[in-house]
Amino acid sequence: MATVALVAAILLALCAGIKSPQASPADRLVVNPASGLAISGFDPVAYFTENKAVLGRPDIELTQNDAVWRFDNIGNRAAFAEHPEVYSPQFGGYDPVAIDREASVPGHPQIWAVSGERLYLFYDAKARQAFLDNPGRVLESAARKWPTVARTIGR
């Protein structure tokens, strides 16, 4: 009986690191497949602290959730490490206006907005303006549609 329990424990431990083919929407992050960089290497904290898109430095990185995040300074890296849920782009960096239209379109890190203390990336300036015209409506609809849209990413 102890052998069965041991085998079960080993199998459980081995399977713990395997992600299901239907990863949760929170696992959907725009990452460059060649470099592994999230948001094209832009510093996610700088949008908040400097109110602009700033490229991170290759010597100040943090790997989290299978993505490499770059930062302009070690303070920004520390802030992100402590609160990635605050500084990471919402919807994994996908454009919330596109999600509202039930499509998964990666946002561009230089076309962005901070709303409600969260970062949003947009495909183009027109989508950004549509968001800014009514962020509450777009976010409510995108949040409702995101689980379904996220399941289609990578198929």
Protein backbone atom coordinates (compact mmCIF):
# COMPACT_ATOMS: atom_id res chain seq x y z
CA MET A 1 0.00 0.00 0.00
CA ALA A 2 2.88 2.37 0.81
CA THR A 3 4.31 1.72 -2.67
CA VAL A 4 1.04 2.82 -4.31
CA ALA A 5 1.03 6.01 -2.24
CA LEU A 6 4.67 6.67 -3.15
CA VAL A 7 4.00 6.16 -6.87
CA ALA A 8 0.95 8.43 -6.67
CA ALA A 9 2.98 11.13 -4.92
CA ILE A 10 5.72 10.93 -7.55
CA LEU A 11 3.20 11.12 -10.41
CA LEU A 12 1.48 14.08 -8.76
CA ALA A 13 4.82 15.89 -8.36
CA LEU A 14 5.77 15.22 -11.99
CA CYS A 15 2.42 16.46 -13.29
CA ALA A 16 2.42 19.60 -11.13
CA GLY A 17 4.72 21.41 -13.55
CA ILE A 18 2.69 20.53 -16.65
CA LYS A 19 0.38 23.25 -17.88
CA SER A 20 -2.94 22.18 -19.27
CA PRO A 21 -3.53 22.83 -22.98
CA GLN A 22 -6.31 25.23 -21.94
CA ALA A 23 -4.22 27.66 -19.90
CA SER A 24 -6.16 30.21 -17.92
CA PRO A 25 -6.66 33.69 -19.35
CA ALA A 26 -4.17 35.01 -16.80
CA ASP A 27 -1.48 32.90 -18.51
CA ARG A 28 -1.97 34.69 -21.84
CA LEU A 29 0.81 37.26 -22.13
CA VAL A 30 2.15 38.82 -25.32
CA VAL A 31 5.77 37.63 -25.47
CA ASN A 32 8.18 37.83 -28.39
CA PRO A 33 8.75 34.15 -29.29
CA ALA A 34 12.33 34.79 -30.48
CA SER A 35 13.60 36.88 -27.55
CA GLY A 36 11.20 35.93 -24.77
CA LEU A 37 10.67 39.63 -24.03
CA ALA A 38 7.39 40.85 -22.61
CA ILE A 39 6.08 44.13 -24.04
CA SER A 40 9.03 44.33 -26.47
CA GLY A 41 11.46 45.08 -23.67
CA PHE A 42 9.74 48.24 -22.43
CA ASP A 43 9.84 48.91 -18.69
CA PRO A 44 6.31 48.28 -17.35
CA VAL A 45 6.89 50.44 -14.26
CA ALA A 46 8.05 53.50 -16.23
CA TYR A 47 4.54 53.99 -17.66
CA PHE A 48 3.49 54.84 -14.11
CA THR A 49 6.58 56.59 -12.75
CA GLU A 50 7.67 58.55 -15.85
CA ASN A 51 4.37 58.70 -17.71
CA LYS A 52 6.04 57.46 -20.89
CA ALA A 53 7.19 54.30 -22.64
CA VAL A 54 10.84 53.66 -21.74
CA LEU A 55 12.93 50.80 -23.08
CA GLY A 56 14.33 48.61 -20.35
CA ARG A 57 17.98 47.70 -20.12
CA PRO A 58 19.24 44.20 -20.96
CA ASP A 59 21.35 44.23 -17.79
CA ILE A 60 18.30 44.85 -15.57
CA GLU A 61 15.90 41.96 -16.20
CA LEU A 62 13.51 39.74 -14.33
CA THR A 63 12.09 36.46 -15.60
CA GLN A 64 8.55 35.79 -14.51
CA ASN A 65 5.82 33.54 -15.96
CA ASP A 66 8.07 32.41 -18.82
CA ALA A 67 8.68 36.00 -19.93
CA VAL A 68 11.67 38.31 -19.65
CA TRP A 69 10.81 41.77 -18.34
CA ARG A 70 13.30 44.61 -18.72
CA PHE A 71 13.60 47.69 -16.54
CA ASP A 72 15.21 51.11 -16.75
CA ASN A 73 16.54 50.88 -13.18
CA ILE A 74 16.74 48.47 -10.25
CA GLY A 75 14.04 50.34 -8.33
CA ASN A 76 11.55 49.66 -11.10
CA ARG A 77 12.58 45.99 -11.18
CA ALA A 78 12.05 45.76 -7.41
CA ALA A 79 8.63 47.43 -7.65
CA PHE A 80 7.57 45.03 -10.40
CA ALA A 81 8.87 41.98 -8.52
CA GLU A 82 6.79 42.98 -5.50
CA HIS A 83 3.60 43.86 -7.43
CA PRO A 84 3.55 42.38 -10.95
CA GLU A 85 -0.25 42.41 -10.92
CA VAL A 86 -0.15 46.22 -10.72
CA TYR A 87 2.48 46.89 -13.37
CA SER A 88 1.84 44.14 -15.93
CA PRO A 89 -0.32 45.23 -18.84
CA GLN A 90 -3.91 44.15 -18.39
CA PHE A 91 -5.28 41.40 -20.62
CA GLY A 92 -1.70 40.18 -21.05
CA GLY A 93 -0.88 43.12 -23.31
CA TYR A 94 -3.72 42.43 -25.73
CA ASP A 95 -5.75 45.42 -26.89
CA PRO A 96 -8.93 45.75 -24.77
CA VAL A 97 -10.80 47.39 -27.66
CA ALA A 98 -10.07 44.33 -29.82
CA ILE A 99 -11.11 42.05 -26.96
CA ASP A 100 -14.38 43.99 -26.76
CA ARG A 101 -14.80 43.03 -30.44
CA GLU A 102 -13.98 39.40 -29.53
CA ALA A 103 -10.53 39.39 -31.14
CA SER A 104 -7.04 38.89 -29.72
CA VAL A 105 -4.79 41.63 -31.08
CA PRO A 106 -1.46 42.31 -29.35
CA GLY A 107 -1.10 45.88 -28.18
CA HIS A 108 1.87 48.04 -29.11
CA PRO A 109 3.97 49.14 -26.12
CA GLN A 110 4.23 52.69 -27.45
CA ILE A 111 0.44 53.08 -27.78
CA TRP A 112 -0.82 52.89 -24.23
CA ALA A 113 -2.90 54.37 -21.45
CA VAL A 114 -3.03 54.06 -17.69
CA SER A 115 -6.59 53.97 -16.43
CA GLY A 116 -7.74 53.05 -12.94
CA GLU A 117 -4.08 52.58 -11.99
CA ARG A 118 -3.66 49.80 -14.57
CA LEU A 119 -1.72 49.68 -17.86
CA TYR A 120 -3.44 48.99 -21.19
CA LEU A 121 -1.73 48.56 -24.57
CA PHE A 122 -3.44 49.24 -27.91
CA TYR A 123 -2.96 48.12 -31.49
CA ASP A 124 -3.18 51.66 -32.88
CA ALA A 125 -4.06 55.24 -31.96
CA LYS A 126 -7.67 54.78 -33.12
CA ALA A 127 -8.19 51.91 -30.65
CA ARG A 128 -6.57 53.96 -27.89
CA GLN A 129 -8.93 56.85 -28.57
CA ALA A 130 -11.95 54.52 -28.60
CA PHE A 131 -10.85 53.32 -25.16
CA LEU A 132 -10.27 56.83 -23.83
CA ASP A 133 -13.73 57.90 -25.05
CA ASN A 134 -15.40 55.39 -22.72
CA PRO A 135 -12.94 53.29 -20.69
CA GLY A 136 -15.59 51.98 -18.29
CA ARG A 137 -17.72 50.50 -21.05
CA VAL A 138 -14.73 49.02 -22.91
CA LEU A 139 -13.25 47.49 -19.77
CA GLU A 140 -16.53 46.03 -18.56
CA SER A 141 -17.15 44.40 -21.93
CA ALA A 142 -13.53 43.28 -22.42
CA ALA A 143 -13.40 41.73 -18.93
CA ARG A 144 -16.56 39.77 -19.68
CA LYS A 145 -15.25 38.56 -23.09
CA TRP A 146 -11.60 37.99 -22.12
CA PRO A 147 -11.94 34.38 -20.88
CA THR A 148 -13.45 33.30 -24.21
CA VAL A 149 -11.01 35.34 -26.32
CA ALA A 150 -8.02 34.13 -24.31
CA ARG A 151 -8.91 30.51 -25.04
CA THR A 152 -8.53 31.19 -28.78
CA ILE A 153 -4.98 32.58 -28.50
CA GLY A 154 -2.33 30.30 -29.94
CA ARG A 155 -4.71 28.05 -31.80
